[in-house]
Amino acid sequence: MSRFSVSRHPVRGMLAAAAIATLATGAAVAVPAQARTQAAERTASCATTWGSLPEASSRWSAATVKNVRTGRHGCYDRLVVDLTGRRTGYQIGYVKVATMDGSGLPVRTRGGAVLQIVVHAAAYDAAGRPTYRMASQRELSSVGGYDTFRQVAWGGSFEGQTTVALGVRARLPFRAFTLAGPGNTTRLVVDVAHHW
């Protein structure tokens, strides 16, 4: 899967130009009707049937976690857990506080809500060697400037499962699914919408 790039927002550009013109001239400038219409169309095009209730798949496999990454889309922010091996299951849902695998200690995250993502895959191999090496447990992926995501934090890997705590702006609709490939890899995808 390729990384998403920041989508260009013509409406925001028009609004920014109007704001600069207002500052430069000191005159009040109304938002053009076309800009309001485009903003309304954009919101309508992002309408979704997703909900905010927990999602799960009971499947288990010998897959291991090899990476956690994020991307942006015009209507949602995306988190991807890259796995080596066949599809595996997951449990994803909003919680008051995410907890660390094994110890149960809280994993604090920024944002108004937190999604706890539990993948039925270890982040270590049969010899106990890590299969996923992160630079920082507090910031698995840089999400500064994202519309919905606020923080991606490590929640540990214990007894064949791995937890990621995803801090989000608010309790927003999400969806989760797995994709097979390329080769002997799988991706767990979690999309969180920018609005209801």
C-alpha atoms as a PDB file:
ATOM      1  CA  MET A   1       0.000   0.000   0.000  1.00  0.00           C
ATOM      2  CA  SER A   2       1.397   3.387  -0.845  1.00  0.00           C
ATOM      3  CA  ARG A   3       1.475   6.199   1.665  1.00  0.00           C
ATOM      4  CA  PHE A   4      -1.312   8.697   1.399  1.00  0.00           C
ATOM      5  CA  SER A   5      -0.321  12.270   0.699  1.00  0.00           C
ATOM      6  CA  VAL A   6      -1.909  15.385   2.022  1.00  0.00           C
ATOM      7  CA  SER A   7      -4.891  16.102  -0.181  1.00  0.00           C
ATOM      8  CA  ARG A   8      -5.148  19.579  -1.592  1.00  0.00           C
ATOM      9  CA  HIS A   9      -8.138  21.585  -0.431  1.00  0.00           C
ATOM     10  CA  PRO A  10      -9.214  24.211  -2.985  1.00  0.00           C
ATOM     11  CA  VAL A  11     -11.869  25.478  -0.594  1.00  0.00           C
ATOM     12  CA  ARG A  12      -9.334  26.041   2.163  1.00  0.00           C
ATOM     13  CA  GLY A  13      -7.076  27.791  -0.330  1.00  0.00           C
ATOM     14  CA  MET A  14      -9.873  30.145  -1.358  1.00  0.00           C
ATOM     15  CA  LEU A  15     -10.711  30.841   2.282  1.00  0.00           C
ATOM     16  CA  ALA A  16      -7.055  31.514   3.090  1.00  0.00           C
ATOM     17  CA  ALA A  17      -6.786  33.920   0.135  1.00  0.00           C
ATOM     18  CA  ALA A  18      -9.904  35.740   1.345  1.00  0.00           C
ATOM     19  CA  ALA A  19      -8.454  36.005   4.867  1.00  0.00           C
ATOM     20  CA  ILE A  20      -5.162  37.443   3.529  1.00  0.00           C
ATOM     21  CA  ALA A  21      -7.057  39.938   1.403  1.00  0.00           C
ATOM     22  CA  THR A  22      -9.051  40.986   4.479  1.00  0.00           C
ATOM     23  CA  LEU A  23      -5.899  41.543   6.519  1.00  0.00           C
ATOM     24  CA  ALA A  24      -4.195  43.464   3.723  1.00  0.00           C
ATOM     25  CA  THR A  25      -7.101  45.827   3.006  1.00  0.00           C
ATOM     26  CA  GLY A  26      -8.775  45.936   6.399  1.00  0.00           C
ATOM     27  CA  ALA A  27     -12.091  45.306   4.637  1.00  0.00           C
ATOM     28  CA  ALA A  28     -14.604  42.617   5.446  1.00  0.00           C
ATOM     29  CA  VAL A  29     -14.697  39.877   2.817  1.00  0.00           C
ATOM     30  CA  ALA A  30     -17.573  37.410   2.592  1.00  0.00           C
ATOM     31  CA  VAL A  31     -16.854  33.761   1.861  1.00  0.00           C
ATOM     32  CA  PRO A  32     -17.778  33.186  -1.788  1.00  0.00           C
ATOM     33  CA  ALA A  33     -20.931  31.147  -2.379  1.00  0.00           C
ATOM     34  CA  GLN A  34     -18.898  28.769  -4.547  1.00  0.00           C
ATOM     35  CA  ALA A  35     -16.564  28.044  -1.617  1.00  0.00           C
ATOM     36  CA  ARG A  36     -19.523  27.324   0.692  1.00  0.00           C
ATOM     37  CA  THR A  37     -21.038  25.005  -1.932  1.00  0.00           C
ATOM     38  CA  GLN A  38     -17.746  23.149  -2.444  1.00  0.00           C
ATOM     39  CA  ALA A  39     -17.334  22.711   1.320  1.00  0.00           C
ATOM     40  CA  ALA A  40     -20.875  21.290   1.592  1.00  0.00           C
ATOM     41  CA  GLU A  41     -20.239  18.916  -1.347  1.00  0.00           C
ATOM     42  CA  ARG A  42     -16.984  17.754   0.228  1.00  0.00           C
ATOM     43  CA  THR A  43     -18.746  16.974   3.532  1.00  0.00           C
ATOM     44  CA  ALA A  44     -21.487  15.080   1.679  1.00  0.00           C
ATOM     45  CA  SER A  45     -18.927  13.074  -0.313  1.00  0.00           C
ATOM     46  CA  CYS A  46     -17.331  11.938   2.978  1.00  0.00           C
ATOM     47  CA  ALA A  47     -20.609  10.590   4.352  1.00  0.00           C
ATOM     48  CA  THR A  48     -20.128   7.101   5.742  1.00  0.00           C
ATOM     49  CA  THR A  49     -22.124   4.244   7.204  1.00  0.00           C
ATOM     50  CA  TRP A  50     -19.341   3.374   9.663  1.00  0.00           C
ATOM     51  CA  GLY A  51     -20.080   3.359  13.370  1.00  0.00           C
ATOM     52  CA  SER A  52     -18.111   3.644  16.598  1.00  0.00           C
ATOM     53  CA  LEU A  53     -18.945   0.268  18.161  1.00  0.00           C
ATOM     54  CA  PRO A  54     -16.199  -2.366  18.616  1.00  0.00           C
ATOM     55  CA  GLU A  55     -15.094  -4.455  15.636  1.00  0.00           C
ATOM     56  CA  ALA A  56     -13.468  -7.880  15.856  1.00  0.00           C
ATOM     57  CA  SER A  57     -12.316 -10.916  13.934  1.00  0.00           C
ATOM     58  CA  SER A  58     -11.649 -14.110  15.894  1.00  0.00           C
ATOM     59  CA  ARG A  59      -9.127 -15.502  13.382  1.00  0.00           C
ATOM     60  CA  TRP A  60      -5.665 -16.510  14.670  1.00  0.00           C
ATOM     61  CA  SER A  61      -2.491 -17.218  12.710  1.00  0.00           C
ATOM     62  CA  ALA A  62       1.265 -17.327  13.196  1.00  0.00           C
ATOM     63  CA  ALA A  63       1.635 -13.815  11.728  1.00  0.00           C
ATOM     64  CA  THR A  64       4.044 -11.349  13.332  1.00  0.00           C
ATOM     65  CA  VAL A  65       3.957  -7.556  13.444  1.00  0.00           C
ATOM     66  CA  LYS A  66       6.648  -5.931  11.311  1.00  0.00           C
ATOM     67  CA  ASN A  67       5.557  -2.266  11.119  1.00  0.00           C
ATOM     68  CA  VAL A  68       2.946   0.311  12.178  1.00  0.00           C
ATOM     69  CA  ARG A  69       2.368   3.280   9.881  1.00  0.00           C
ATOM     70  CA  THR A  70      -0.199   5.978   9.176  1.00  0.00           C
ATOM     71  CA  GLY A  71      -1.532   7.983   6.256  1.00  0.00           C
ATOM     72  CA  ARG A  72      -4.065  10.661   5.431  1.00  0.00           C
ATOM     73  CA  HIS A  73      -7.037  10.683   3.091  1.00  0.00           C
ATOM     74  CA  GLY A  74      -9.498  13.440   2.244  1.00  0.00           C
ATOM     75  CA  CYS A  75     -12.217  11.851   4.413  1.00  0.00           C
ATOM     76  CA  TYR A  76     -10.323   9.814   7.030  1.00  0.00           C
ATOM     77  CA  ASP A  77      -6.969   9.096   8.666  1.00  0.00           C
ATOM     78  CA  ARG A  78      -5.564   5.574   8.248  1.00  0.00           C
ATOM     79  CA  LEU A  79      -3.452   3.335  10.481  1.00  0.00           C
ATOM     80  CA  VAL A  80      -1.878   0.194   9.016  1.00  0.00           C
ATOM     81  CA  VAL A  81      -0.294  -2.671  10.927  1.00  0.00           C
ATOM     82  CA  ASP A  82       1.967  -4.597   8.545  1.00  0.00           C
ATOM     83  CA  LEU A  83       2.172  -8.315   9.286  1.00  0.00           C
ATOM     84  CA  THR A  84       4.421 -11.085   8.040  1.00  0.00           C
ATOM     85  CA  GLY A  85       2.269 -14.141   7.479  1.00  0.00           C
ATOM     86  CA  ARG A  86      -1.363 -15.010   6.886  1.00  0.00           C
ATOM     87  CA  ARG A  87      -4.387 -12.956   7.867  1.00  0.00           C
ATOM     88  CA  THR A  88      -5.078 -12.823  11.551  1.00  0.00           C
ATOM     89  CA  GLY A  89      -7.778 -11.474  13.813  1.00  0.00           C
ATOM     90  CA  TYR A  90      -8.156  -8.318  15.866  1.00  0.00           C
ATOM     91  CA  GLN A  91     -10.236  -6.531  18.489  1.00  0.00           C
ATOM     92  CA  ILE A  92     -10.691  -2.780  18.085  1.00  0.00           C
ATOM     93  CA  GLY A  93     -12.822  -0.449  20.140  1.00  0.00           C
ATOM     94  CA  TYR A  94     -13.045   2.807  22.022  1.00  0.00           C
ATOM     95  CA  VAL A  95     -11.942   2.565  25.663  1.00  0.00           C
ATOM     96  CA  LYS A  96     -11.631   5.067  28.500  1.00  0.00           C
ATOM     97  CA  VAL A  97      -7.913   4.281  28.804  1.00  0.00           C
ATOM     98  CA  ALA A  98      -5.881   1.849  26.716  1.00  0.00           C
ATOM     99  CA  THR A  99      -3.935  -0.717  28.710  1.00  0.00           C
ATOM    100  CA  MET A 100      -0.526  -2.310  28.259  1.00  0.00           C
ATOM    101  CA  ASP A 101      -0.438  -5.998  27.287  1.00  0.00           C
ATOM    102  CA  GLY A 102       0.669  -8.185  30.186  1.00  0.00           C
ATOM    103  CA  SER A 103       0.841  -5.560  32.941  1.00  0.00           C
ATOM    104  CA  GLY A 104      -2.507  -3.817  32.432  1.00  0.00           C
ATOM    105  CA  LEU A 105      -0.853  -0.450  33.092  1.00  0.00           C
ATOM    106  CA  PRO A 106      -2.521   2.557  31.414  1.00  0.00           C
ATOM    107  CA  VAL A 107      -1.224   3.824  28.071  1.00  0.00           C
ATOM    108  CA  ARG A 108      -1.917   7.558  28.070  1.00  0.00           C
ATOM    109  CA  THR A 109      -2.634   9.179  24.715  1.00  0.00           C
ATOM    110  CA  ARG A 110      -3.436  12.658  23.455  1.00  0.00           C
ATOM    111  CA  GLY A 111      -6.896  13.369  22.071  1.00  0.00           C
ATOM    112  CA  GLY A 112     -10.511  13.333  23.167  1.00  0.00           C
ATOM    113  CA  ALA A 113     -10.894   9.555  22.687  1.00  0.00           C
ATOM    114  CA  VAL A 114      -8.729   6.460  22.344  1.00  0.00           C
ATOM    115  CA  LEU A 115      -9.069   3.364  20.181  1.00  0.00           C
ATOM    116  CA  GLN A 116      -7.426   0.247  21.564  1.00  0.00           C
ATOM    117  CA  ILE A 117      -6.225  -1.942  18.690  1.00  0.00           C
ATOM    118  CA  VAL A 118      -5.363  -5.522  19.645  1.00  0.00           C
ATOM    119  CA  VAL A 119      -3.889  -7.631  16.834  1.00  0.00           C
ATOM    120  CA  HIS A 120      -3.732 -11.429  17.158  1.00  0.00           C
ATOM    121  CA  ALA A 121      -0.062 -11.396  16.214  1.00  0.00           C
ATOM    122  CA  ALA A 122       3.123 -11.125  18.251  1.00  0.00           C
ATOM    123  CA  ALA A 123       5.796  -8.499  17.672  1.00  0.00           C
ATOM    124  CA  TYR A 124       8.502 -11.128  18.263  1.00  0.00           C
ATOM    125  CA  ASP A 125       9.540 -14.378  16.606  1.00  0.00           C
ATOM    126  CA  ALA A 126       9.656 -17.926  18.026  1.00  0.00           C
ATOM    127  CA  ALA A 127      13.068 -17.194  19.583  1.00  0.00           C
ATOM    128  CA  GLY A 128      11.734 -14.059  21.311  1.00  0.00           C
ATOM    129  CA  ARG A 129      13.546 -11.622  18.986  1.00  0.00           C
ATOM    130  CA  PRO A 130      11.613  -8.445  18.089  1.00  0.00           C
ATOM    131  CA  THR A 131      10.051  -8.404  14.618  1.00  0.00           C
ATOM    132  CA  TYR A 132       9.077  -4.733  14.941  1.00  0.00           C
ATOM    133  CA  ARG A 133      11.597  -2.148  16.038  1.00  0.00           C
ATOM    134  CA  MET A 134      10.261   1.299  16.874  1.00  0.00           C
ATOM    135  CA  ALA A 135      12.088   4.556  17.446  1.00  0.00           C
ATOM    136  CA  SER A 136       9.722   5.627  20.258  1.00  0.00           C
ATOM    137  CA  GLN A 137       6.995   3.742  22.118  1.00  0.00           C
ATOM    138  CA  ARG A 138       5.113   7.024  22.647  1.00  0.00           C
ATOM    139  CA  GLU A 139       5.151   7.989  18.944  1.00  0.00           C
ATOM    140  CA  LEU A 140       5.013   4.964  16.649  1.00  0.00           C
ATOM    141  CA  SER A 141       4.170   7.267  13.737  1.00  0.00           C
ATOM    142  CA  SER A 142       4.272  11.032  13.407  1.00  0.00           C
ATOM    143  CA  VAL A 143       0.675  12.284  13.132  1.00  0.00           C
ATOM    144  CA  GLY A 144       1.178  16.030  13.538  1.00  0.00           C
ATOM    145  CA  GLY A 145      -1.227  17.889  11.252  1.00  0.00           C
ATOM    146  CA  TYR A 146      -3.615  14.952  10.853  1.00  0.00           C
ATOM    147  CA  ASP A 147      -7.326  15.777  10.938  1.00  0.00           C
ATOM    148  CA  THR A 148      -8.326  12.955  13.299  1.00  0.00           C
ATOM    149  CA  PHE A 149      -5.265  11.174  14.734  1.00  0.00           C
ATOM    150  CA  ARG A 150      -3.484  12.714  17.735  1.00  0.00           C
ATOM    151  CA  GLN A 151      -1.045   9.964  18.820  1.00  0.00           C
ATOM    152  CA  VAL A 152      -0.056   6.376  18.040  1.00  0.00           C
ATOM    153  CA  ALA A 153       1.441   4.685  21.121  1.00  0.00           C
ATOM    154  CA  TRP A 154       2.789   1.221  21.857  1.00  0.00           C
ATOM    155  CA  GLY A 155       0.704  -0.998  24.124  1.00  0.00           C
ATOM    156  CA  GLY A 156       3.035  -3.987  24.210  1.00  0.00           C
ATOM    157  CA  SER A 157       3.147  -7.497  22.809  1.00  0.00           C
ATOM    158  CA  PHE A 158       2.440 -10.449  25.080  1.00  0.00           C
ATOM    159  CA  GLU A 159       1.277 -14.055  24.643  1.00  0.00           C
ATOM    160  CA  GLY A 160       0.823 -13.815  20.884  1.00  0.00           C
ATOM    161  CA  GLN A 161      -1.008 -10.506  20.670  1.00  0.00           C
ATOM    162  CA  THR A 162       0.052  -6.885  20.191  1.00  0.00           C
ATOM    163  CA  THR A 163      -1.690  -3.698  21.324  1.00  0.00           C
ATOM    164  CA  VAL A 164      -1.551  -0.218  19.804  1.00  0.00           C
ATOM    165  CA  ALA A 165      -3.240   2.777  21.458  1.00  0.00           C
ATOM    166  CA  LEU A 166      -4.582   5.279  18.922  1.00  0.00           C
ATOM    167  CA  GLY A 167      -5.423   8.707  20.343  1.00  0.00           C
ATOM    168  CA  VAL A 168      -8.023  10.484  18.197  1.00  0.00           C
ATOM    169  CA  ARG A 169      -9.664  13.917  18.234  1.00  0.00           C
ATOM    170  CA  ALA A 170     -13.061  12.570  19.357  1.00  0.00           C
ATOM    171  CA  ARG A 171     -15.134   9.388  19.281  1.00  0.00           C
ATOM    172  CA  LEU A 172     -15.582   9.230  15.531  1.00  0.00           C
ATOM    173  CA  PRO A 173     -16.753   6.460  13.174  1.00  0.00           C
ATOM    174  CA  PHE A 174     -14.162   3.882  12.148  1.00  0.00           C
ATOM    175  CA  ARG A 175     -13.805   0.721  10.099  1.00  0.00           C
ATOM    176  CA  ALA A 176     -11.311  -2.138  10.223  1.00  0.00           C
ATOM    177  CA  PHE A 177     -10.370  -4.799   7.692  1.00  0.00           C
ATOM    178  CA  THR A 178      -7.439  -6.933   6.553  1.00  0.00           C
ATOM    179  CA  LEU A 179      -5.787  -7.073   3.149  1.00  0.00           C
ATOM    180  CA  ALA A 180      -3.667  -9.977   1.909  1.00  0.00           C
ATOM    181  CA  GLY A 181      -0.391  -9.438   0.087  1.00  0.00           C
ATOM    182  CA  PRO A 182       1.914  -8.656  -1.432  1.00  0.00           C
ATOM    183  CA  GLY A 183       3.447 -12.101  -1.124  1.00  0.00           C
ATOM    184  CA  ASN A 184       3.195 -13.677   2.314  1.00  0.00           C
ATOM    185  CA  THR A 185       2.193 -10.446   4.076  1.00  0.00           C
ATOM    186  CA  THR A 186      -1.045  -9.066   5.461  1.00  0.00           C
ATOM    187  CA  ARG A 187      -2.170  -5.586   6.470  1.00  0.00           C
ATOM    188  CA  LEU A 188      -4.627  -4.690   9.190  1.00  0.00           C
ATOM    189  CA  VAL A 189      -6.205  -1.376   8.185  1.00  0.00           C
ATOM    190  CA  VAL A 190      -8.032   0.970  10.581  1.00  0.00           C
ATOM    191  CA  ASP A 191      -9.673   4.083   9.082  1.00  0.00           C
ATOM    192  CA  VAL A 192     -11.110   6.776  11.364  1.00  0.00           C
ATOM    193  CA  ALA A 193     -13.409   9.340   9.724  1.00  0.00           C
ATOM    194  CA  HIS A 194     -12.852  13.078  10.046  1.00  0.00           C
ATOM    195  CA  HIS A 195     -16.475  13.651  11.079  1.00  0.00           C
ATOM    196  CA  TRP A 196     -19.825  11.911  11.563  1.00  0.00           C
END
